[in-house]
């Protein structure tokens, strides 16, 4: 039931079902239950609750790179970059080339004033997923901080192009993401990038 609600993006009901599953599970060390509840919290931007559940999952499944990354991702959203860094680094050791962790590393380095280091990670992530709009937005931020106006303009154009494609796809196929099940590596809490940040 929790997964069914999650597919419909009904996260409050998903949370309730996952909590019930945890209460009724005879094996408190069964992998996946804390992850599922943590993921529902994560999708609702309930960072502290998500971190608590993900850490419990990590104690059961220490090699789960998705859990490791999502803890780091929560800390990035909270702007707690010192806490985020070791989790993101560990996720990349567990799964080299994992572009969601590379994206977060890029975002982290932009926020702490190291745009050159940010670009190393963002460019790797963009090779894996060149049409992800958020990567071009972040690269535009890095180039802006470096004073590279030509590169900034190029990345802004790519960001606008791919964001429009995403919007058009969503308009043509509402709810299509649920048809293929839950892709835990691609899903992401809503985060609105603004071009005003780059002016």
Protein backbone atom coordinates (compact mmCIF):
# COMPACT_ATOMS: atom_id res chain seq x y z
CA UNK A 1 0.00 0.00 0.00
CA UNK A 2 2.84 2.38 0.80
CA UNK A 3 4.40 1.81 -2.60
CA UNK A 4 1.01 2.28 -4.25
CA UNK A 5 0.56 5.65 -2.55
CA UNK A 6 4.15 6.60 -3.41
CA UNK A 7 3.52 5.90 -7.11
CA UNK A 8 0.63 8.36 -6.94
CA UNK A 9 2.84 10.88 -5.13
CA UNK A 10 0.56 10.69 -2.11
CA UNK A 11 3.44 10.84 0.35
CA UNK A 12 1.49 11.42 3.61
CA UNK A 13 -0.45 8.18 3.08
CA UNK A 14 2.71 6.42 1.93
CA UNK A 15 4.41 7.49 5.16
CA UNK A 16 1.52 6.13 7.22
CA UNK A 17 1.64 2.75 5.46
CA UNK A 18 5.42 2.46 5.74
CA UNK A 19 5.25 3.31 9.46
CA UNK A 20 2.62 0.62 9.88
CA UNK A 21 4.80 -1.87 8.02
CA UNK A 22 7.70 -1.09 10.35
CA UNK A 23 5.50 -1.51 13.44
CA UNK A 24 4.16 -4.87 12.25
CA UNK A 25 7.36 -6.31 10.81
CA UNK A 26 8.60 -9.25 12.91
CA UNK A 27 12.19 -8.64 11.76
CA UNK A 28 13.44 -5.14 12.75
CA UNK A 29 16.53 -5.65 10.57
CA UNK A 30 14.68 -6.35 7.34
CA UNK A 31 16.32 -4.22 4.61
CA UNK A 32 14.21 -1.68 2.77
CA UNK A 33 11.57 -0.63 5.28
CA UNK A 34 13.48 2.28 6.79
CA UNK A 35 14.58 3.28 3.28
CA UNK A 36 10.97 3.35 2.06
CA UNK A 37 9.80 5.51 4.94
CA UNK A 38 12.87 7.74 4.63
CA UNK A 39 12.26 8.14 0.91
CA UNK A 40 8.68 9.28 1.48
CA UNK A 41 9.98 11.87 3.98
CA UNK A 42 12.72 12.86 1.48
CA UNK A 43 10.19 13.48 -1.28
CA UNK A 44 8.31 15.81 1.08
CA UNK A 45 11.47 17.67 2.08
CA UNK A 46 11.22 16.43 5.68
CA UNK A 47 14.98 16.29 5.92
CA UNK A 48 15.46 15.45 9.61
CA UNK A 49 12.96 12.58 9.52
CA UNK A 50 14.46 11.31 6.26
CA UNK A 51 17.99 11.37 7.67
CA UNK A 52 16.87 9.45 10.77
CA UNK A 53 15.29 6.68 8.67
CA UNK A 54 18.14 6.54 6.15
CA UNK A 55 20.69 6.20 8.95
CA UNK A 56 18.72 3.31 10.39
CA UNK A 57 18.67 1.73 6.94
CA UNK A 58 22.41 2.31 6.56
CA UNK A 59 23.03 0.41 9.80
CA UNK A 60 21.25 -2.57 8.20
CA UNK A 61 22.62 -2.14 4.65
CA UNK A 62 25.93 -0.23 4.87
CA UNK A 63 26.73 -0.83 1.18
CA UNK A 64 23.52 0.72 -0.14
CA UNK A 65 24.86 3.66 -2.15
CA UNK A 66 21.37 5.15 -2.67
CA UNK A 67 20.90 5.48 1.08
CA UNK A 68 24.40 6.92 1.51
CA UNK A 69 23.76 9.47 -1.26
CA UNK A 70 20.33 10.47 0.03
CA UNK A 71 21.72 11.24 3.49
CA UNK A 72 24.29 13.50 1.83
CA UNK A 73 21.58 15.00 -0.36
CA UNK A 74 19.45 15.82 2.69
CA UNK A 75 22.39 17.64 4.26
CA UNK A 76 22.99 19.56 1.01
CA UNK A 77 19.36 20.73 1.07
CA UNK A 78 19.88 21.78 4.69
CA UNK A 79 23.06 23.62 3.66
CA UNK A 80 25.05 21.53 6.13
CA UNK A 81 27.92 20.96 3.72
CA UNK A 82 30.38 19.63 6.30
CA UNK A 83 27.95 16.81 7.11
CA UNK A 84 27.05 16.23 3.45
CA UNK A 85 30.58 15.84 2.09
CA UNK A 86 31.60 12.49 3.63
CA UNK A 87 28.31 10.85 2.61
CA UNK A 88 28.58 12.06 -0.98
CA UNK A 89 32.22 10.99 -1.16
CA UNK A 90 31.31 7.56 0.22
CA UNK A 91 28.44 7.19 -2.27
CA UNK A 92 30.86 7.88 -5.13
CA UNK A 93 33.29 5.30 -3.75
CA UNK A 94 30.47 2.79 -3.49
CA UNK A 95 29.26 3.56 -7.02
CA UNK A 96 31.79 5.46 -9.16
CA UNK A 97 30.14 7.62 -11.80
CA UNK A 98 26.87 7.90 -9.87
CA UNK A 99 25.79 11.16 -11.40
CA UNK A 100 23.24 12.18 -8.76
CA UNK A 101 26.04 12.22 -6.18
CA UNK A 102 28.27 14.05 -8.67
CA UNK A 103 25.55 16.67 -9.12
CA UNK A 104 25.31 17.16 -5.36
CA UNK A 105 29.09 17.41 -5.06
CA UNK A 106 28.99 20.13 -7.71
CA UNK A 107 26.25 21.98 -5.87
CA UNK A 108 28.15 21.66 -2.60
CA UNK A 109 31.37 23.07 -4.05
CA UNK A 110 29.52 26.00 -5.65
CA UNK A 111 27.99 26.85 -2.28
CA UNK A 112 31.33 26.78 -0.47
CA UNK A 113 32.97 28.99 -3.10
CA UNK A 114 34.93 26.42 -5.13
CA UNK A 115 33.37 26.63 -8.62
CA UNK A 116 36.36 25.05 -10.38
CA UNK A 117 36.02 21.90 -8.27
CA UNK A 118 32.26 22.01 -8.79
CA UNK A 119 32.69 21.90 -12.56
CA UNK A 120 34.79 18.72 -12.37
CA UNK A 121 31.82 16.87 -10.87
CA UNK A 122 29.10 18.61 -12.88
CA UNK A 123 30.80 17.93 -16.21
CA UNK A 124 31.09 14.24 -15.32
CA UNK A 125 27.40 14.13 -14.42
CA UNK A 126 26.45 15.94 -17.64
CA UNK A 127 28.26 13.29 -19.69
CA UNK A 128 26.04 10.65 -18.09
CA UNK A 129 22.83 12.68 -18.45
CA UNK A 130 23.38 15.59 -20.86
CA UNK A 131 19.69 16.55 -20.97
CA UNK A 132 19.24 17.03 -17.21
CA UNK A 133 18.36 20.71 -16.95
CA UNK A 134 19.52 21.12 -13.35
CA UNK A 135 23.10 20.21 -14.27
CA UNK A 136 23.27 23.04 -16.81
CA UNK A 137 21.76 25.41 -14.28
CA UNK A 138 24.46 24.48 -11.76
CA UNK A 139 27.23 24.79 -14.36
CA UNK A 140 25.89 28.24 -15.24
CA UNK A 141 26.17 29.16 -11.55
CA UNK A 142 29.76 27.93 -11.46
CA UNK A 143 30.72 29.89 -14.58
CA UNK A 144 29.04 33.01 -13.21
CA UNK A 145 31.14 32.77 -10.05
CA UNK A 146 34.24 32.35 -12.23
CA UNK A 147 33.32 35.37 -14.37
CA UNK A 148 33.12 33.28 -17.59
CA UNK A 149 30.28 34.98 -19.42
CA UNK A 150 30.41 33.00 -22.69
CA UNK A 151 30.23 29.66 -20.88
CA UNK A 152 27.51 31.05 -18.60
CA UNK A 153 25.42 32.02 -21.63
CA UNK A 154 25.86 28.60 -23.25
CA UNK A 155 24.81 26.74 -20.10
CA UNK A 156 21.83 29.04 -19.57
CA UNK A 157 20.63 28.32 -23.11
CA UNK A 158 20.98 24.57 -22.50
CA UNK A 159 19.18 24.87 -19.18
CA UNK A 160 16.25 26.71 -20.79
CA UNK A 161 16.12 24.24 -23.70
CA UNK A 162 16.05 21.12 -21.51
CA UNK A 163 13.72 22.65 -18.92
CA UNK A 164 11.25 23.42 -21.71
CA UNK A 165 11.52 19.82 -22.96
CA UNK A 166 10.83 18.52 -19.43
CA UNK A 167 7.81 20.82 -19.08
CA UNK A 168 6.45 19.85 -22.51
CA UNK A 169 6.89 16.13 -21.75
CA UNK A 170 5.10 16.46 -18.42
CA UNK A 171 2.23 18.34 -20.11
CA UNK A 172 1.86 15.70 -22.85
CA UNK A 173 2.07 12.70 -20.50
CA UNK A 174 0.81 13.64 -17.03
CA UNK A 175 1.38 10.81 -14.58
CA UNK A 176 3.56 8.87 -17.02
CA UNK A 177 6.36 8.61 -14.47
CA UNK A 178 4.18 6.35 -12.35
CA UNK A 179 3.58 3.87 -15.17
CA UNK A 180 7.09 2.49 -15.05
CA UNK A 181 7.26 2.15 -11.28
CA UNK A 182 9.46 3.99 -8.84
CA UNK A 183 12.95 4.85 -10.08
CA UNK A 184 14.73 5.63 -6.85
CA UNK A 185 17.86 6.93 -8.53
CA UNK A 186 16.10 9.54 -10.70
CA UNK A 187 13.35 10.82 -8.45
CA UNK A 188 14.02 14.05 -6.65
CA UNK A 189 12.15 16.45 -4.39
CA UNK A 190 10.81 19.51 -6.16
CA UNK A 191 13.43 22.23 -6.46
CA UNK A 192 12.74 25.28 -8.58
CA UNK A 193 15.73 26.89 -10.22
CA UNK A 194 15.39 30.58 -10.94
CA UNK A 195 17.17 32.47 -13.66
CA UNK A 196 17.12 35.48 -11.33
CA UNK A 197 19.84 33.73 -9.30
CA UNK A 198 22.15 33.93 -12.30
CA UNK A 199 21.66 37.58 -13.24
